[in-house]
């Protein structure tokens, strides 16, 4: 019975984090209201507070889940692919497979920015802390990097991909996915970490 309970709790938590992310993307930081998050997830505001202390925490939960998915995807790629190459591959594949917008790299970056807008002070949760779970995934692809250098590499690659995707999403509709893939490749070529 506890297995079913844990499954239900995990599903509720996921529904809340995804509802928070959807509202943040649809309405920005000002539209992120706990009662709205709970309603979109089909639960009460009290239930929301059983899982999260704040709306920022719910968004960080979403980011954490997305980072876990990213790590799983990185782990599935051949270990000999360097870090930039592996991330480039994932981003291009996401563009080509028509990823769900909520689960896109673009959404991941926008949610990070929204968290920054909601939490400008040090006592609030920090989206930068999301980098730490990525560190073990970096080591097999860049064993020469220490922890500091790995953090720099992660942030550099993330910024590089963000710039490429920003350029792509600014293009008029309908956008050619291959143009997006080419922008990602060009951007990643600029930051190869080959030694």
Protein backbone atom coordinates (compact mmCIF):
# COMPACT_ATOMS: atom_id res chain seq x y z
CA UNK A 1 0.00 0.00 0.00
CA UNK A 2 2.83 2.42 0.75
CA UNK A 3 4.15 1.89 -2.81
CA UNK A 4 0.85 3.16 -4.19
CA UNK A 5 0.91 6.09 -1.76
CA UNK A 6 4.44 7.02 -2.79
CA UNK A 7 3.48 6.80 -6.47
CA UNK A 8 0.49 9.07 -5.86
CA UNK A 9 2.63 11.56 -3.91
CA UNK A 10 5.20 11.63 -6.70
CA UNK A 11 2.45 12.19 -9.29
CA UNK A 12 1.00 15.07 -7.23
CA UNK A 13 4.43 16.63 -6.81
CA UNK A 14 5.07 16.37 -10.55
CA UNK A 15 1.65 17.85 -11.35
CA UNK A 16 2.40 20.80 -9.05
CA UNK A 17 5.85 21.47 -10.48
CA UNK A 18 4.60 21.26 -14.06
CA UNK A 19 1.60 23.49 -13.26
CA UNK A 20 3.96 26.06 -11.73
CA UNK A 21 6.20 25.95 -14.81
CA UNK A 22 3.24 26.26 -17.21
CA UNK A 23 1.86 29.28 -15.34
CA UNK A 24 5.28 30.91 -15.16
CA UNK A 25 5.79 30.47 -18.89
CA UNK A 26 2.25 31.59 -19.78
CA UNK A 27 1.96 34.58 -17.43
CA UNK A 28 5.46 35.40 -16.16
CA UNK A 29 6.42 35.83 -12.52
CA UNK A 30 3.38 37.99 -11.74
CA UNK A 31 1.01 35.22 -12.84
CA UNK A 32 2.58 32.63 -10.60
CA UNK A 33 0.04 32.43 -7.77
CA UNK A 34 -0.07 29.45 -5.42
CA UNK A 35 -3.86 29.11 -5.66
CA UNK A 36 -3.58 29.05 -9.47
CA UNK A 37 -0.80 26.47 -9.39
CA UNK A 38 -2.88 24.24 -7.12
CA UNK A 39 -6.00 24.66 -9.24
CA UNK A 40 -4.13 23.81 -12.44
CA UNK A 41 -2.73 20.68 -10.75
CA UNK A 42 -6.20 19.73 -9.49
CA UNK A 43 -5.40 20.03 -5.79
CA UNK A 44 -6.00 22.51 -2.98
CA UNK A 45 -3.64 25.29 -1.92
CA UNK A 46 -3.20 23.39 1.34
CA UNK A 47 -1.99 20.36 -0.61
CA UNK A 48 0.46 22.64 -2.45
CA UNK A 49 1.92 23.67 0.93
CA UNK A 50 2.30 20.02 1.92
CA UNK A 51 4.82 19.73 -0.92
CA UNK A 52 6.37 23.18 -1.27
CA UNK A 53 6.94 26.19 0.98
CA UNK A 54 6.84 28.67 -1.92
CA UNK A 55 6.17 29.07 -5.61
CA UNK A 56 9.93 29.42 -6.15
CA UNK A 57 10.41 26.02 -4.55
CA UNK A 58 7.87 24.50 -6.95
CA UNK A 59 9.74 25.99 -9.92
CA UNK A 60 13.04 24.73 -8.55
CA UNK A 61 11.40 21.31 -8.28
CA UNK A 62 10.52 21.51 -11.96
CA UNK A 63 14.09 22.51 -12.84
CA UNK A 64 15.46 19.69 -10.71
CA UNK A 65 13.26 17.16 -12.52
CA UNK A 66 14.35 18.54 -15.90
CA UNK A 67 18.01 18.36 -14.87
CA UNK A 68 17.51 14.72 -13.79
CA UNK A 69 16.02 13.95 -17.20
CA UNK A 70 18.95 15.71 -18.88
CA UNK A 71 21.43 13.64 -16.86
CA UNK A 72 19.61 10.44 -17.86
CA UNK A 73 19.79 11.49 -21.52
CA UNK A 74 23.49 12.35 -21.22
CA UNK A 75 24.16 8.97 -19.60
CA UNK A 76 22.57 7.23 -22.61
CA UNK A 77 25.05 8.83 -25.03
CA UNK A 78 28.45 7.25 -25.72
CA UNK A 79 30.88 8.27 -22.99
CA UNK A 80 33.56 9.21 -25.53
CA UNK A 81 31.41 12.15 -26.69
CA UNK A 82 32.87 15.29 -25.15
CA UNK A 83 30.59 17.45 -23.02
CA UNK A 84 29.90 20.17 -25.60
CA UNK A 85 29.35 17.53 -28.28
CA UNK A 86 26.90 15.61 -26.08
CA UNK A 87 24.87 18.70 -25.16
CA UNK A 88 24.88 19.85 -28.79
CA UNK A 89 23.55 16.43 -29.82
CA UNK A 90 20.77 16.53 -27.20
CA UNK A 91 19.65 20.06 -28.11
CA UNK A 92 19.60 19.29 -31.84
CA UNK A 93 17.67 16.05 -31.24
CA UNK A 94 15.15 17.92 -29.08
CA UNK A 95 14.65 20.44 -31.87
CA UNK A 96 14.20 17.71 -34.46
CA UNK A 97 11.82 15.53 -32.46
CA UNK A 98 9.47 18.42 -31.72
CA UNK A 99 9.86 18.26 -27.97
CA UNK A 100 6.95 19.29 -25.80
CA UNK A 101 7.39 23.01 -25.23
CA UNK A 102 7.30 22.64 -21.45
CA UNK A 103 10.17 20.15 -21.60
CA UNK A 104 12.24 22.14 -24.08
CA UNK A 105 15.66 23.65 -23.45
CA UNK A 106 14.14 27.06 -24.16
CA UNK A 107 11.62 26.58 -21.36
CA UNK A 108 14.36 25.41 -19.02
CA UNK A 109 16.24 28.67 -19.60
CA UNK A 110 13.11 30.83 -19.28
CA UNK A 111 12.13 29.14 -16.00
CA UNK A 112 15.64 29.83 -14.65
CA UNK A 113 15.24 33.51 -15.53
CA UNK A 114 11.81 33.65 -13.87
CA UNK A 115 13.24 32.12 -10.69
CA UNK A 116 15.91 34.82 -10.74
CA UNK A 117 13.21 37.49 -11.08
CA UNK A 118 11.22 35.98 -8.20
CA UNK A 119 14.23 35.38 -5.94
CA UNK A 120 16.68 38.25 -6.27
CA UNK A 121 17.85 37.98 -2.66
CA UNK A 122 20.24 35.38 -1.21
CA UNK A 123 17.77 34.00 1.35
CA UNK A 124 15.52 32.65 -1.41
CA UNK A 125 16.22 29.42 -3.30
CA UNK A 126 18.88 29.83 -5.96
CA UNK A 127 18.51 28.30 -9.42
CA UNK A 128 22.31 28.24 -9.67
CA UNK A 129 22.28 25.37 -7.17
CA UNK A 130 20.75 23.23 -9.92
CA UNK A 131 24.22 22.97 -11.51
CA UNK A 132 25.55 20.75 -8.69
CA UNK A 133 23.64 17.59 -9.76
CA UNK A 134 25.16 17.92 -13.24
CA UNK A 135 28.73 17.71 -11.96
CA UNK A 136 28.92 13.87 -11.85
CA UNK A 137 27.60 13.73 -15.43
CA UNK A 138 30.38 16.08 -16.57
CA UNK A 139 33.32 14.10 -15.18
CA UNK A 140 33.25 11.13 -17.63
CA UNK A 141 33.10 13.55 -20.56
CA UNK A 142 35.71 16.00 -19.25
CA UNK A 143 37.79 14.18 -16.59
CA UNK A 144 40.51 16.84 -16.70
CA UNK A 145 38.16 19.46 -15.21
CA UNK A 146 38.03 20.07 -11.48
CA UNK A 147 34.73 21.05 -9.83
CA UNK A 148 35.22 24.78 -10.42
CA UNK A 149 36.09 24.26 -14.08
CA UNK A 150 33.15 21.87 -14.51
CA UNK A 151 30.79 24.55 -13.11
CA UNK A 152 32.27 27.09 -15.51
CA UNK A 153 31.90 24.62 -18.39
CA UNK A 154 28.25 23.86 -17.55
CA UNK A 155 27.38 27.55 -17.33
CA UNK A 156 29.32 28.38 -20.50
CA UNK A 157 27.62 25.64 -22.50
CA UNK A 158 24.20 26.59 -21.11
CA UNK A 159 24.73 30.22 -22.09
CA UNK A 160 25.96 29.20 -25.53
CA UNK A 161 22.91 27.03 -26.17
CA UNK A 162 20.63 29.75 -24.80
CA UNK A 163 22.03 32.32 -27.25
CA UNK A 164 21.59 29.93 -30.19
CA UNK A 165 18.02 29.08 -29.20
CA UNK A 166 17.17 32.76 -28.61
CA UNK A 167 18.31 33.53 -32.17
CA UNK A 168 16.31 30.61 -33.49
CA UNK A 169 13.09 31.48 -31.64
CA UNK A 170 13.31 35.10 -32.85
CA UNK A 171 13.02 33.92 -36.45
CA UNK A 172 9.58 34.39 -38.02
CA UNK A 173 7.21 31.42 -38.08
CA UNK A 174 7.28 28.89 -39.60
CA UNK A 175 10.84 28.25 -38.45
CA UNK A 176 13.09 25.74 -40.18
CA UNK A 177 14.34 23.26 -37.57
CA UNK A 178 17.53 22.74 -39.55
CA UNK A 179 18.31 26.46 -39.18
CA UNK A 180 17.96 26.02 -35.41
CA UNK A 181 20.19 22.95 -35.49
CA UNK A 182 22.79 24.88 -37.49
CA UNK A 183 22.72 27.77 -34.99
CA UNK A 184 23.24 25.34 -32.10
CA UNK A 185 26.15 23.68 -33.93
CA UNK A 186 27.77 27.02 -34.77
CA UNK A 187 27.45 28.22 -31.18
CA UNK A 188 28.85 24.99 -29.73
CA UNK A 189 31.76 25.08 -32.17
CA UNK A 190 32.76 28.37 -30.50
CA UNK A 191 33.24 26.74 -27.07
CA UNK A 192 34.68 23.29 -27.73
CA UNK A 193 36.43 22.04 -24.59
CA UNK A 194 39.07 19.87 -26.23
CA UNK A 195 41.84 20.59 -23.82
